[in-house]
């Protein structure tokens, strides 16, 4: 049976939140405001002293403009490339839908 190390999850979460927050150029206080919590709580997460609830993880991911699974990615995600890919897929999907439903 696999053993999970909560310390590893906290480390991964901490570094991914911190890295993405810095990429966006926002402070812990700004992130805290976006997710409706205290800056101290964000600091506690980044210092690996606290682990957020699933609901808070979703709010943090949304505020950081990433998918929640990216909070636990072991490798560096090219966030901008993923966003561009999503936008391209969305545009392609909308174009195909428009083609399907355009009047004859």
Foldseek 3Di string as FASTA:
>chain_A
DDDDDLLLQLQLLLVLLVVLCVVVPHALQVLCVQLVHHSVVNVCSNVSNDDDDPVSLCSSCVSSVHHSVSSRDPDDDPRVVVVVVVVVVVVVVVVVVCVVPPDD
